[in-house]
Amino acid sequence: MVQPMPVTIIGGFLGAGKTSLLNHILTTATDRRIAVLVNDFGAINIDAKLIVAIEGETVSLANGCVCCTIRDDLLSEVFKLLESAEPPEHIVIETSGVSKPVAVVETFSNPAVLGLVDVVGLITLLDAELAASEDAAYGTLAYDQIATADLVVINKADLVSPPALAALRARVTAVAGRARIVTAEHGKVPLALIFDEMQGPSPLRPVSGDHGEDHSHMFEAWSFRSERRWSFNALQRATEHLPTDIYRAKGLVRLDLPSGDYGVLQMTGRRAWLRLCQPDEAGNEPATEPATELVFIGKRGATTDEELAAHFENALTEATAPSAPVHIVTDLRAFNVIFA
């Protein structure tokens, strides 16, 4: 089974720091082939030493990344990338500051791309200084950009006082519902919050060593391992009630399906999803029985390995209780179970 191409969508109002985040991605993701689709790549300050070729609307970089301009048809550009001689490992799409990012998400519900791409996260950036101003006007567009996000990055946090930042975070929480919220400066967040950092059950690299960016004072990684089999109901309970300061999760899940399938679980912000697979697709020998192994990234001190273990074991116990409601799969895309 061909694995779908992961797609991350980045939104946010004008000046929120989307381009800064893209610059951060292109200059630090040195071991991944990433395609960045933007409305105008000319706004991105790419180091001339990184550029190896410019062909029409595409800039090719020495680190294997490409940066393309979206002109007319987003799906057409995505198909070009998928069919290229060296397709990327991940696609990042920057939406216009005056658009609704969720509309881009809906674009990928087109039957033509089902099974070919997976939207693994909708990230919205917010200008902390502008948003904290008493004179700031919040229209329907800004509200929608935050309300539909999986992960909200309050950017330029260094430009406001701690009390103002706390007040802004409370306002965003009221609007964003279940979205995870993280603060940043200059659009710099650990790449592990955006990209897959695991192959099968292998652990994430330490956050503090993330491509030269020392985020150890802000973020921490934890892990959970279990030999038990998991139902969709138990996974839904476990992911829905994680601490809100856990922003990202991924790993292999041993399921209780008669088919023997396993699942690759991902979580970005508030959305968790599960792709069904066979053990050998997740990097294991076909004869082996891989355990459930998950890795989490979040705010330093948000939890511990022991607390996560207790949380997941409790969810498993609650899900098997006689009175527990059964999880009903309502959205099945390319063999993905979506926990919306």
C-alpha atoms as a PDB file:
ATOM      1  CA  MET A   1       0.000   0.000   0.000  1.00  0.00           C
ATOM      2  CA  VAL A   2       1.395   3.389  -1.024  1.00  0.00           C
ATOM      3  CA  GLN A   3       1.587   5.788   1.875  1.00  0.00           C
ATOM      4  CA  PRO A   4      -0.306   9.073   1.327  1.00  0.00           C
ATOM      5  CA  MET A   5       1.722  12.274   1.043  1.00  0.00           C
ATOM      6  CA  PRO A   6       1.459  14.283   4.297  1.00  0.00           C
ATOM      7  CA  VAL A   7       0.303  17.874   3.810  1.00  0.00           C
ATOM      8  CA  THR A   8       0.486  20.688   6.372  1.00  0.00           C
ATOM      9  CA  ILE A   9      -1.527  23.863   5.784  1.00  0.00           C
ATOM     10  CA  ILE A  10      -0.355  27.136   7.321  1.00  0.00           C
ATOM     11  CA  GLY A  11      -2.745  30.056   7.695  1.00  0.00           C
ATOM     12  CA  GLY A  12      -2.974  33.323   9.524  1.00  0.00           C
ATOM     13  CA  PHE A  13      -3.823  36.954   8.948  1.00  0.00           C
ATOM     14  CA  LEU A  14      -1.505  39.336   7.111  1.00  0.00           C
ATOM     15  CA  GLY A  15       1.706  39.917   9.034  1.00  0.00           C
ATOM     16  CA  ALA A  16       1.195  37.035  11.466  1.00  0.00           C
ATOM     17  CA  GLY A  17       4.536  35.454  10.580  1.00  0.00           C
ATOM     18  CA  LYS A  18       3.687  32.755   8.038  1.00  0.00           C
ATOM     19  CA  THR A  19       6.666  33.657   5.855  1.00  0.00           C
ATOM     20  CA  SER A  20       8.986  33.656   8.860  1.00  0.00           C
ATOM     21  CA  LEU A  21       7.836  30.132   9.654  1.00  0.00           C
ATOM     22  CA  LEU A  22       8.429  29.045   6.054  1.00  0.00           C
ATOM     23  CA  ASN A  23      11.912  30.560   6.101  1.00  0.00           C
ATOM     24  CA  HIS A  24      12.572  28.649   9.314  1.00  0.00           C
ATOM     25  CA  ILE A  25      11.419  25.428   7.659  1.00  0.00           C
ATOM     26  CA  LEU A  26      13.453  25.862   4.479  1.00  0.00           C
ATOM     27  CA  THR A  27      16.676  26.778   6.250  1.00  0.00           C
ATOM     28  CA  THR A  28      16.560  24.153   9.004  1.00  0.00           C
ATOM     29  CA  ALA A  29      14.880  21.096   7.473  1.00  0.00           C
ATOM     30  CA  THR A  30      18.168  19.881   6.031  1.00  0.00           C
ATOM     31  CA  ASP A  31      17.374  16.164   6.007  1.00  0.00           C
ATOM     32  CA  ARG A  32      13.924  16.206   4.371  1.00  0.00           C
ATOM     33  CA  ARG A  33      12.635  16.812   0.859  1.00  0.00           C
ATOM     34  CA  ILE A  34       9.910  19.392   1.409  1.00  0.00           C
ATOM     35  CA  ALA A  35       7.748  21.153  -1.139  1.00  0.00           C
ATOM     36  CA  VAL A  36       6.451  24.552  -0.088  1.00  0.00           C
ATOM     37  CA  LEU A  37       3.521  25.966  -2.059  1.00  0.00           C
ATOM     38  CA  VAL A  38       2.922  29.687  -1.615  1.00  0.00           C
ATOM     39  CA  ASN A  39       1.089  32.447  -3.407  1.00  0.00           C
ATOM     40  CA  ASP A  40       4.379  34.199  -4.150  1.00  0.00           C
ATOM     41  CA  PHE A  41       7.698  32.624  -3.229  1.00  0.00           C
ATOM     42  CA  GLY A  42       9.406  35.941  -3.960  1.00  0.00           C
ATOM     43  CA  ALA A  43       8.419  37.055  -0.461  1.00  0.00           C
ATOM     44  CA  ILE A  44      10.498  34.262   1.060  1.00  0.00           C
ATOM     45  CA  ASN A  45      14.049  35.273   1.890  1.00  0.00           C
ATOM     46  CA  ILE A  46      15.901  32.204   0.632  1.00  0.00           C
ATOM     47  CA  ASP A  47      19.656  32.251   1.100  1.00  0.00           C
ATOM     48  CA  ALA A  48      21.233  32.442  -2.373  1.00  0.00           C
ATOM     49  CA  LYS A  49      23.719  29.739  -1.334  1.00  0.00           C
ATOM     50  CA  LEU A  50      20.827  27.281  -0.996  1.00  0.00           C
ATOM     51  CA  ILE A  51      19.367  27.863  -4.465  1.00  0.00           C
ATOM     52  CA  VAL A  52      20.485  25.383  -7.122  1.00  0.00           C
ATOM     53  CA  ALA A  53      17.936  26.181  -9.851  1.00  0.00           C
ATOM     54  CA  ILE A  54      15.032  28.442 -10.708  1.00  0.00           C
ATOM     55  CA  GLU A  55      12.672  27.092 -13.345  1.00  0.00           C
ATOM     56  CA  GLY A  56       9.537  29.101 -14.003  1.00  0.00           C
ATOM     57  CA  GLU A  57       7.508  29.093 -10.816  1.00  0.00           C
ATOM     58  CA  THR A  58       9.785  26.677  -8.951  1.00  0.00           C
ATOM     59  CA  VAL A  59      12.896  27.264  -6.860  1.00  0.00           C
ATOM     60  CA  SER A  60      14.981  24.149  -6.164  1.00  0.00           C
ATOM     61  CA  LEU A  61      17.197  24.148  -3.096  1.00  0.00           C
ATOM     62  CA  ALA A  62      20.416  22.319  -2.322  1.00  0.00           C
ATOM     63  CA  ASN A  63      18.810  20.543   0.643  1.00  0.00           C
ATOM     64  CA  GLY A  64      16.276  18.794  -1.616  1.00  0.00           C
ATOM     65  CA  CYS A  65      13.411  21.175  -0.887  1.00  0.00           C
ATOM     66  CA  VAL A  66      11.439  22.998  -3.546  1.00  0.00           C
ATOM     67  CA  CYS A  67       9.414  26.193  -3.330  1.00  0.00           C
ATOM     68  CA  CYS A  68       6.619  26.720  -5.846  1.00  0.00           C
ATOM     69  CA  THR A  69       4.183  29.499  -6.641  1.00  0.00           C
ATOM     70  CA  ILE A  70       0.478  28.642  -6.723  1.00  0.00           C
ATOM     71  CA  ARG A  71      -1.076  30.341  -9.726  1.00  0.00           C
ATOM     72  CA  ASP A  72      -4.362  28.784 -10.707  1.00  0.00           C
ATOM     73  CA  ASP A  73      -5.034  25.255  -9.537  1.00  0.00           C
ATOM     74  CA  LEU A  74      -3.732  23.969  -6.206  1.00  0.00           C
ATOM     75  CA  LEU A  75      -4.564  20.351  -6.984  1.00  0.00           C
ATOM     76  CA  SER A  76      -2.724  20.605 -10.305  1.00  0.00           C
ATOM     77  CA  GLU A  77       0.424  21.789  -8.508  1.00  0.00           C
ATOM     78  CA  VAL A  78       0.119  18.967  -5.989  1.00  0.00           C
ATOM     79  CA  PHE A  79      -0.228  16.368  -8.751  1.00  0.00           C
ATOM     80  CA  LYS A  80       2.919  17.738 -10.415  1.00  0.00           C
ATOM     81  CA  LEU A  81       4.818  17.233  -7.178  1.00  0.00           C
ATOM     82  CA  LEU A  82       3.452  13.720  -6.664  1.00  0.00           C
ATOM     83  CA  GLU A  83       4.397  12.722 -10.223  1.00  0.00           C
ATOM     84  CA  SER A  84       7.864  14.308 -10.197  1.00  0.00           C
ATOM     85  CA  ALA A  85      10.990  12.161 -10.530  1.00  0.00           C
ATOM     86  CA  GLU A  86      11.890  12.867  -6.900  1.00  0.00           C
ATOM     87  CA  PRO A  87       8.634  13.588  -5.076  1.00  0.00           C
ATOM     88  CA  PRO A  88       8.864  15.419  -1.749  1.00  0.00           C
ATOM     89  CA  GLU A  89       8.422  13.725   1.595  1.00  0.00           C
ATOM     90  CA  HIS A  90       6.053  16.426   2.854  1.00  0.00           C
ATOM     91  CA  ILE A  91       4.082  19.300   1.316  1.00  0.00           C
ATOM     92  CA  VAL A  92       3.574  22.596   3.149  1.00  0.00           C
ATOM     93  CA  ILE A  93       0.968  25.037   1.819  1.00  0.00           C
ATOM     94  CA  GLU A  94       0.885  28.688   2.880  1.00  0.00           C
ATOM     95  CA  THR A  95      -2.572  30.148   2.427  1.00  0.00           C
ATOM     96  CA  SER A  96      -3.257  33.789   1.710  1.00  0.00           C
ATOM     97  CA  GLY A  97      -3.591  36.041   4.748  1.00  0.00           C
ATOM     98  CA  VAL A  98      -7.102  36.965   3.622  1.00  0.00           C
ATOM     99  CA  SER A  99      -8.324  33.453   2.906  1.00  0.00           C
ATOM    100  CA  LYS A 100      -9.989  30.739   4.947  1.00  0.00           C
ATOM    101  CA  PRO A 101      -7.464  27.911   5.403  1.00  0.00           C
ATOM    102  CA  VAL A 102     -10.251  25.406   5.989  1.00  0.00           C
ATOM    103  CA  ALA A 103     -11.243  25.915   2.338  1.00  0.00           C
ATOM    104  CA  VAL A 104      -7.858  24.488   1.336  1.00  0.00           C
ATOM    105  CA  VAL A 105      -8.493  21.507   3.611  1.00  0.00           C
ATOM    106  CA  GLU A 106     -11.788  20.947   1.828  1.00  0.00           C
ATOM    107  CA  THR A 107      -9.957  20.999  -1.501  1.00  0.00           C
ATOM    108  CA  PHE A 108      -8.246  17.782  -0.506  1.00  0.00           C
ATOM    109  CA  SER A 109     -11.570  16.034   0.022  1.00  0.00           C
ATOM    110  CA  ASN A 110     -11.728  15.858  -3.782  1.00  0.00           C
ATOM    111  CA  PRO A 111     -12.093  12.164  -4.764  1.00  0.00           C
ATOM    112  CA  ALA A 112      -9.194  12.604  -7.202  1.00  0.00           C
ATOM    113  CA  VAL A 113      -6.687  12.899  -4.351  1.00  0.00           C
ATOM    114  CA  LEU A 114      -8.204  10.588  -1.744  1.00  0.00           C
ATOM    115  CA  GLY A 115      -5.555   8.088  -0.758  1.00  0.00           C
ATOM    116  CA  LEU A 116      -2.789  10.189  -2.333  1.00  0.00           C
ATOM    117  CA  VAL A 117      -2.486  12.946   0.274  1.00  0.00           C
ATOM    118  CA  ASP A 118      -3.298  13.342   3.951  1.00  0.00           C
ATOM    119  CA  VAL A 119      -3.816  16.743   5.565  1.00  0.00           C
ATOM    120  CA  VAL A 120      -1.979  16.141   8.840  1.00  0.00           C
ATOM    121  CA  GLY A 121      -2.453  19.582  10.328  1.00  0.00           C
ATOM    122  CA  LEU A 122      -3.916  23.053   9.934  1.00  0.00           C
ATOM    123  CA  ILE A 123      -1.667  25.560  11.702  1.00  0.00           C
ATOM    124  CA  THR A 124      -2.745  29.176  12.190  1.00  0.00           C
ATOM    125  CA  LEU A 125      -0.325  31.931  13.202  1.00  0.00           C
ATOM    126  CA  LEU A 126      -1.369  34.976  15.198  1.00  0.00           C
ATOM    127  CA  ASP A 127       0.533  38.246  15.653  1.00  0.00           C
ATOM    128  CA  ALA A 128       0.745  38.588  19.447  1.00  0.00           C
ATOM    129  CA  GLU A 129       1.474  42.320  19.418  1.00  0.00           C
ATOM    130  CA  LEU A 130      -1.384  43.156  17.082  1.00  0.00           C
ATOM    131  CA  ALA A 131      -3.850  40.774  18.690  1.00  0.00           C
ATOM    132  CA  ALA A 132      -3.049  42.033  22.199  1.00  0.00           C
ATOM    133  CA  SER A 133      -3.761  45.640  21.219  1.00  0.00           C
ATOM    134  CA  GLU A 134      -6.977  47.046  22.593  1.00  0.00           C
ATOM    135  CA  ASP A 135      -7.522  48.715  19.228  1.00  0.00           C
ATOM    136  CA  ALA A 136      -7.278  45.450  17.282  1.00  0.00           C
ATOM    137  CA  ALA A 137     -10.384  44.659  15.298  1.00  0.00           C
ATOM    138  CA  TYR A 138     -11.387  41.001  14.958  1.00  0.00           C
ATOM    139  CA  GLY A 139     -13.512  40.271  11.939  1.00  0.00           C
ATOM    140  CA  THR A 140     -15.177  37.080  10.850  1.00  0.00           C
ATOM    141  CA  LEU A 141     -12.123  36.056   8.816  1.00  0.00           C
ATOM    142  CA  ALA A 142      -9.668  36.224  11.709  1.00  0.00           C
ATOM    143  CA  TYR A 143     -12.161  34.368  13.881  1.00  0.00           C
ATOM    144  CA  ASP A 144     -12.511  31.584  11.298  1.00  0.00           C
ATOM    145  CA  GLN A 145      -8.759  31.257  10.851  1.00  0.00           C
ATOM    146  CA  ILE A 146      -8.304  30.585  14.555  1.00  0.00           C
ATOM    147  CA  ALA A 147     -11.511  28.641  15.179  1.00  0.00           C
ATOM    148  CA  THR A 148     -10.770  26.023  12.516  1.00  0.00           C
ATOM    149  CA  ALA A 149      -7.092  25.471  13.403  1.00  0.00           C
ATOM    150  CA  ASP A 150      -5.616  22.300  14.840  1.00  0.00           C
ATOM    151  CA  LEU A 151      -2.639  24.221  16.245  1.00  0.00           C
ATOM    152  CA  VAL A 152      -2.514  27.981  16.943  1.00  0.00           C
ATOM    153  CA  VAL A 153       0.943  29.585  17.086  1.00  0.00           C
ATOM    154  CA  ILE A 154       0.898  32.900  18.952  1.00  0.00           C
ATOM    155  CA  ASN A 155       3.875  34.455  17.188  1.00  0.00           C
ATOM    156  CA  LYS A 156       5.995  37.480  18.163  1.00  0.00           C
ATOM    157  CA  ALA A 157       5.448  36.574  21.817  1.00  0.00           C
ATOM    158  CA  ASP A 158       8.592  38.518  22.721  1.00  0.00           C
ATOM    159  CA  LEU A 159       6.879  41.786  21.784  1.00  0.00           C
ATOM    160  CA  VAL A 160       4.219  41.680  24.506  1.00  0.00           C
ATOM    161  CA  SER A 161       4.341  41.514  28.301  1.00  0.00           C
ATOM    162  CA  PRO A 162       3.684  38.225  30.129  1.00  0.00           C
ATOM    163  CA  PRO A 163       0.307  39.452  31.478  1.00  0.00           C
ATOM    164  CA  ALA A 164      -0.776  40.561  28.001  1.00  0.00           C
ATOM    165  CA  LEU A 165       0.346  37.227  26.551  1.00  0.00           C
ATOM    166  CA  ALA A 166      -1.612  35.314  29.199  1.00  0.00           C
ATOM    167  CA  ALA A 167      -4.720  37.372  28.498  1.00  0.00           C
ATOM    168  CA  LEU A 168      -4.333  36.809  24.748  1.00  0.00           C
ATOM    169  CA  ARG A 169      -3.925  33.076  25.247  1.00  0.00           C
ATOM    170  CA  ALA A 170      -7.179  33.020  27.220  1.00  0.00           C
ATOM    171  CA  ARG A 171      -8.980  34.871  24.404  1.00  0.00           C
ATOM    172  CA  VAL A 172      -7.606  32.469  21.796  1.00  0.00           C
ATOM    173  CA  THR A 173      -8.647  29.487  23.913  1.00  0.00           C
ATOM    174  CA  ALA A 174     -12.205  30.824  24.017  1.00  0.00           C
ATOM    175  CA  VAL A 175     -12.267  31.083  20.215  1.00  0.00           C
ATOM    176  CA  ALA A 176     -10.210  28.079  19.212  1.00  0.00           C
ATOM    177  CA  GLY A 177     -12.096  25.427  21.137  1.00  0.00           C
ATOM    178  CA  ARG A 178     -10.028  22.253  21.312  1.00  0.00           C
ATOM    179  CA  ALA A 179      -7.065  23.603  19.326  1.00  0.00           C
ATOM    180  CA  ARG A 180      -3.647  23.359  20.951  1.00  0.00           C
ATOM    181  CA  ILE A 181      -1.912  26.718  21.512  1.00  0.00           C
ATOM    182  CA  VAL A 182       1.834  27.372  21.472  1.00  0.00           C
ATOM    183  CA  THR A 183       3.829  30.616  21.646  1.00  0.00           C
ATOM    184  CA  ALA A 184       6.817  31.422  19.434  1.00  0.00           C
ATOM    185  CA  GLU A 185       9.236  34.144  18.384  1.00  0.00           C
ATOM    186  CA  HIS A 186      10.109  34.902  14.743  1.00  0.00           C
ATOM    187  CA  GLY A 187       8.024  31.920  13.605  1.00  0.00           C
ATOM    188  CA  LYS A 188      10.484  29.438  15.097  1.00  0.00           C
ATOM    189  CA  VAL A 189       8.848  26.289  16.402  1.00  0.00           C
ATOM    190  CA  PRO A 190      10.376  22.806  16.604  1.00  0.00           C
ATOM    191  CA  LEU A 191      10.021  21.108  13.240  1.00  0.00           C
ATOM    192  CA  ALA A 192       8.745  18.047  15.087  1.00  0.00           C
ATOM    193  CA  LEU A 193       5.482  19.948  15.621  1.00  0.00           C
ATOM    194  CA  ILE A 194       5.037  20.088  11.846  1.00  0.00           C
ATOM    195  CA  PHE A 195       6.673  17.052  10.289  1.00  0.00           C
ATOM    196  CA  ASP A 196       6.808  13.319  10.779  1.00  0.00           C
ATOM    197  CA  GLU A 197       9.884  12.608  12.842  1.00  0.00           C
ATOM    198  CA  MET A 198       9.358   8.867  13.173  1.00  0.00           C
ATOM    199  CA  GLN A 199       9.769   5.896  10.882  1.00  0.00           C
ATOM    200  CA  GLY A 200       7.667   3.107  12.374  1.00  0.00           C
ATOM    201  CA  PRO A 201       8.117   2.911  16.124  1.00  0.00           C
ATOM    202  CA  SER A 202      11.517   4.633  16.218  1.00  0.00           C
ATOM    203  CA  PRO A 203      11.637   7.459  18.780  1.00  0.00           C
ATOM    204  CA  LEU A 204      11.717  11.116  17.917  1.00  0.00           C
ATOM    205  CA  ARG A 205      15.027  12.878  18.083  1.00  0.00           C
ATOM    206  CA  PRO A 206      15.342  14.929  21.273  1.00  0.00           C
ATOM    207  CA  VAL A 207      13.579  18.257  20.803  1.00  0.00           C
ATOM    208  CA  SER A 208      16.571  20.111  22.182  1.00  0.00           C
ATOM    209  CA  GLY A 209      18.652  18.843  19.271  1.00  0.00           C
ATOM    210  CA  ASP A 210      16.220  19.756  16.536  1.00  0.00           C
ATOM    211  CA  HIS A 211      18.484  20.926  13.706  1.00  0.00           C
ATOM    212  CA  GLY A 212      20.507  23.311  15.798  1.00  0.00           C
ATOM    213  CA  GLU A 213      17.516  25.101  17.321  1.00  0.00           C
ATOM    214  CA  ASP A 214      17.583  24.743  21.102  1.00  0.00           C
ATOM    215  CA  HIS A 215      13.960  24.527  22.189  1.00  0.00           C
ATOM    216  CA  SER A 216      14.758  22.535  25.319  1.00  0.00           C
ATOM    217  CA  HIS A 217      13.653  25.348  27.617  1.00  0.00           C
ATOM    218  CA  MET A 218      10.217  25.428  25.971  1.00  0.00           C
ATOM    219  CA  PHE A 219       9.406  21.903  24.774  1.00  0.00           C
ATOM    220  CA  GLU A 220       9.780  18.343  25.957  1.00  0.00           C
ATOM    221  CA  ALA A 221       9.200  14.865  24.511  1.00  0.00           C
ATOM    222  CA  TRP A 222       7.624  11.838  26.214  1.00  0.00           C
ATOM    223  CA  SER A 223       6.900   8.273  25.184  1.00  0.00           C
ATOM    224  CA  PHE A 224       4.353   5.546  25.869  1.00  0.00           C
ATOM    225  CA  ARG A 225       4.653   1.806  25.181  1.00  0.00           C
ATOM    226  CA  SER A 226       2.094  -0.944  25.633  1.00  0.00           C
ATOM    227  CA  GLU A 227       1.710  -4.589  24.582  1.00  0.00           C
ATOM    228  CA  ARG A 228      -2.080  -4.402  24.816  1.00  0.00           C
ATOM    229  CA  ARG A 229      -4.415  -4.139  21.827  1.00  0.00           C
ATOM    230  CA  TRP A 230      -6.451  -0.986  21.303  1.00  0.00           C
ATOM    231  CA  SER A 231      -9.955  -0.302  20.047  1.00  0.00           C
ATOM    232  CA  PHE A 232     -10.990   2.844  18.193  1.00  0.00           C
ATOM    233  CA  ASN A 233     -13.101   3.736  21.220  1.00  0.00           C
ATOM    234  CA  ALA A 234     -10.125   3.563  23.592  1.00  0.00           C
ATOM    235  CA  LEU A 235      -7.921   5.606  21.260  1.00  0.00           C
ATOM    236  CA  GLN A 236     -10.568   8.265  20.876  1.00  0.00           C
ATOM    237  CA  ARG A 237     -10.912   8.565  24.650  1.00  0.00           C
ATOM    238  CA  ALA A 238      -7.158   8.760  25.101  1.00  0.00           C
ATOM    239  CA  THR A 239      -6.527  11.400  22.419  1.00  0.00           C
ATOM    240  CA  GLU A 240      -9.525  13.576  23.280  1.00  0.00           C
ATOM    241  CA  HIS A 241      -8.462  14.080  26.880  1.00  0.00           C
ATOM    242  CA  LEU A 242      -4.724  14.631  26.571  1.00  0.00           C
ATOM    243  CA  PRO A 243      -3.374  17.746  28.310  1.00  0.00           C
ATOM    244  CA  THR A 244      -3.858  20.784  26.072  1.00  0.00           C
ATOM    245  CA  ASP A 245      -0.145  21.579  26.299  1.00  0.00           C
ATOM    246  CA  ILE A 246       0.658  18.445  24.292  1.00  0.00           C
ATOM    247  CA  TYR A 247       0.867  19.644  20.697  1.00  0.00           C
ATOM    248  CA  ARG A 248       2.045  16.697  18.616  1.00  0.00           C
ATOM    249  CA  ALA A 249       2.000  12.912  18.764  1.00  0.00           C
ATOM    250  CA  LYS A 250       2.834  10.022  16.500  1.00  0.00           C
ATOM    251  CA  GLY A 251       3.466   6.320  16.701  1.00  0.00           C
ATOM    252  CA  LEU A 252       2.429   2.784  15.930  1.00  0.00           C
ATOM    253  CA  VAL A 253      -0.705   1.357  17.580  1.00  0.00           C
ATOM    254  CA  ARG A 254      -1.467  -2.320  18.049  1.00  0.00           C
ATOM    255  CA  LEU A 255      -5.194  -2.640  17.242  1.00  0.00           C
ATOM    256  CA  ASP A 256      -7.781  -5.230  18.223  1.00  0.00           C
ATOM    257  CA  LEU A 257      -9.062  -5.650  14.643  1.00  0.00           C
ATOM    258  CA  PRO A 258      -9.759  -9.179  13.351  1.00  0.00           C
ATOM    259  CA  SER A 259      -7.882  -8.236  10.170  1.00  0.00           C
ATOM    260  CA  GLY A 260      -4.653  -7.927  12.142  1.00  0.00           C
ATOM    261  CA  ASP A 261      -4.048  -4.398  10.882  1.00  0.00           C
ATOM    262  CA  TYR A 262      -2.046  -1.950  12.929  1.00  0.00           C
ATOM    263  CA  GLY A 263      -2.369   1.807  12.898  1.00  0.00           C
ATOM    264  CA  VAL A 264      -0.040   4.772  12.549  1.00  0.00           C
ATOM    265  CA  LEU A 265      -1.486   7.375  14.906  1.00  0.00           C
ATOM    266  CA  GLN A 266      -0.783  11.051  14.360  1.00  0.00           C
ATOM    267  CA  MET A 267      -1.961  14.097  16.254  1.00  0.00           C
ATOM    268  CA  THR A 268      -1.376  17.704  15.300  1.00  0.00           C
ATOM    269  CA  GLY A 269      -3.054  20.172  17.627  1.00  0.00           C
ATOM    270  CA  ARG A 270      -6.602  19.068  18.285  1.00  0.00           C
ATOM    271  CA  ARG A 271      -6.934  16.524  15.463  1.00  0.00           C
ATOM    272  CA  ALA A 272      -5.841  12.904  15.711  1.00  0.00           C
ATOM    273  CA  TRP A 273      -6.004  10.413  12.876  1.00  0.00           C
ATOM    274  CA  LEU A 274      -5.145   6.787  12.330  1.00  0.00           C
ATOM    275  CA  ARG A 275      -3.887   5.177   9.120  1.00  0.00           C
ATOM    276  CA  LEU A 276      -4.377   1.438   8.988  1.00  0.00           C
ATOM    277  CA  CYS A 277      -1.393  -0.622   7.884  1.00  0.00           C
ATOM    278  CA  GLN A 278       0.311  -3.988   8.140  1.00  0.00           C
ATOM    279  CA  PRO A 279       3.304  -4.414  10.475  1.00  0.00           C
ATOM    280  CA  ASP A 280       5.808  -4.582   7.596  1.00  0.00           C
ATOM    281  CA  GLU A 281       4.572  -1.190   6.297  1.00  0.00           C
ATOM    282  CA  ALA A 282       5.563   0.376   9.622  1.00  0.00           C
ATOM    283  CA  GLY A 283       9.148  -0.806   9.354  1.00  0.00           C
ATOM    284  CA  ASN A 284       8.749  -4.136  11.158  1.00  0.00           C
ATOM    285  CA  GLU A 285       9.497  -7.671  10.079  1.00  0.00           C
ATOM    286  CA  PRO A 286       6.276  -9.393   8.913  1.00  0.00           C
ATOM    287  CA  ALA A 287       6.649 -12.149  11.518  1.00  0.00           C
ATOM    288  CA  THR A 288       6.971  -9.785  14.456  1.00  0.00           C
ATOM    289  CA  GLU A 289       4.193  -8.438  16.667  1.00  0.00           C
ATOM    290  CA  PRO A 290       5.031  -4.769  17.224  1.00  0.00           C
ATOM    291  CA  ALA A 291       3.852  -3.126  20.400  1.00  0.00           C
ATOM    292  CA  THR A 292       2.102   0.216  20.690  1.00  0.00           C
ATOM    293  CA  GLU A 293       4.797   2.901  20.811  1.00  0.00           C
ATOM    294  CA  LEU A 294       3.853   6.577  20.835  1.00  0.00           C
ATOM    295  CA  VAL A 295       5.895   9.755  21.183  1.00  0.00           C
ATOM    296  CA  PHE A 296       4.491  13.112  22.323  1.00  0.00           C
ATOM    297  CA  ILE A 297       5.810  16.679  22.157  1.00  0.00           C
ATOM    298  CA  GLY A 298       4.522  19.525  24.262  1.00  0.00           C
ATOM    299  CA  LYS A 299       5.244  22.319  26.650  1.00  0.00           C
ATOM    300  CA  ARG A 300       7.964  21.460  29.130  1.00  0.00           C
ATOM    301  CA  GLY A 301       6.437  20.050  32.295  1.00  0.00           C
ATOM    302  CA  ALA A 302       3.028  19.367  30.713  1.00  0.00           C
ATOM    303  CA  THR A 303       3.156  15.702  31.703  1.00  0.00           C
ATOM    304  CA  THR A 304       5.468  12.781  32.456  1.00  0.00           C
ATOM    305  CA  ASP A 305       5.939   9.328  30.954  1.00  0.00           C
ATOM    306  CA  GLU A 306       4.247   7.872  34.035  1.00  0.00           C
ATOM    307  CA  GLU A 307       1.234  10.196  33.763  1.00  0.00           C
ATOM    308  CA  LEU A 308       0.834   9.367  30.071  1.00  0.00           C
ATOM    309  CA  ALA A 309       0.963   5.655  30.811  1.00  0.00           C
ATOM    310  CA  ALA A 310      -1.736   6.033  33.473  1.00  0.00           C
ATOM    311  CA  HIS A 311      -3.847   8.200  31.133  1.00  0.00           C
ATOM    312  CA  PHE A 312      -3.785   5.650  28.307  1.00  0.00           C
ATOM    313  CA  GLU A 313      -4.340   2.668  30.546  1.00  0.00           C
ATOM    314  CA  ASN A 314      -7.336   4.425  32.136  1.00  0.00           C
ATOM    315  CA  ALA A 315      -8.756   5.153  28.689  1.00  0.00           C
ATOM    316  CA  LEU A 316      -8.402   1.495  27.765  1.00  0.00           C
ATOM    317  CA  THR A 317     -10.140   0.406  30.966  1.00  0.00           C
ATOM    318  CA  GLU A 318     -12.982   2.921  30.546  1.00  0.00           C
ATOM    319  CA  ALA A 319     -13.509   1.935  26.916  1.00  0.00           C
ATOM    320  CA  THR A 320     -14.036  -1.725  27.866  1.00  0.00           C
ATOM    321  CA  ALA A 321     -16.550  -0.982  30.614  1.00  0.00           C
ATOM    322  CA  PRO A 322     -20.061  -2.343  29.911  1.00  0.00           C
ATOM    323  CA  SER A 323     -21.540   1.174  29.944  1.00  0.00           C
ATOM    324  CA  ALA A 324     -18.937   2.673  27.572  1.00  0.00           C
ATOM    325  CA  PRO A 325     -20.384   4.041  24.302  1.00  0.00           C
ATOM    326  CA  VAL A 326     -19.091   2.440  21.111  1.00  0.00           C
ATOM    327  CA  HIS A 327     -17.075   4.620  18.758  1.00  0.00           C
ATOM    328  CA  ILE A 328     -18.801   4.868  15.395  1.00  0.00           C
ATOM    329  CA  VAL A 329     -16.552   5.530  12.405  1.00  0.00           C
ATOM    330  CA  THR A 330     -18.185   8.350  10.428  1.00  0.00           C
ATOM    331  CA  ASP A 331     -15.292   9.543   8.276  1.00  0.00           C
ATOM    332  CA  LEU A 332     -13.195   6.960   6.467  1.00  0.00           C
ATOM    333  CA  ARG A 333     -10.738   8.499   3.993  1.00  0.00           C
ATOM    334  CA  ALA A 334      -8.198   6.270   2.317  1.00  0.00           C
ATOM    335  CA  PHE A 335      -8.404   3.860   5.245  1.00  0.00           C
ATOM    336  CA  ASN A 336      -7.883   6.651   7.749  1.00  0.00           C
ATOM    337  CA  VAL A 337     -10.008   6.873  10.866  1.00  0.00           C
ATOM    338  CA  ILE A 338     -10.466  10.557  11.733  1.00  0.00           C
ATOM    339  CA  PHE A 339     -10.987  11.545  15.361  1.00  0.00           C
ATOM    340  CA  ALA A 340     -12.346  15.033  14.666  1.00  0.00           C
END
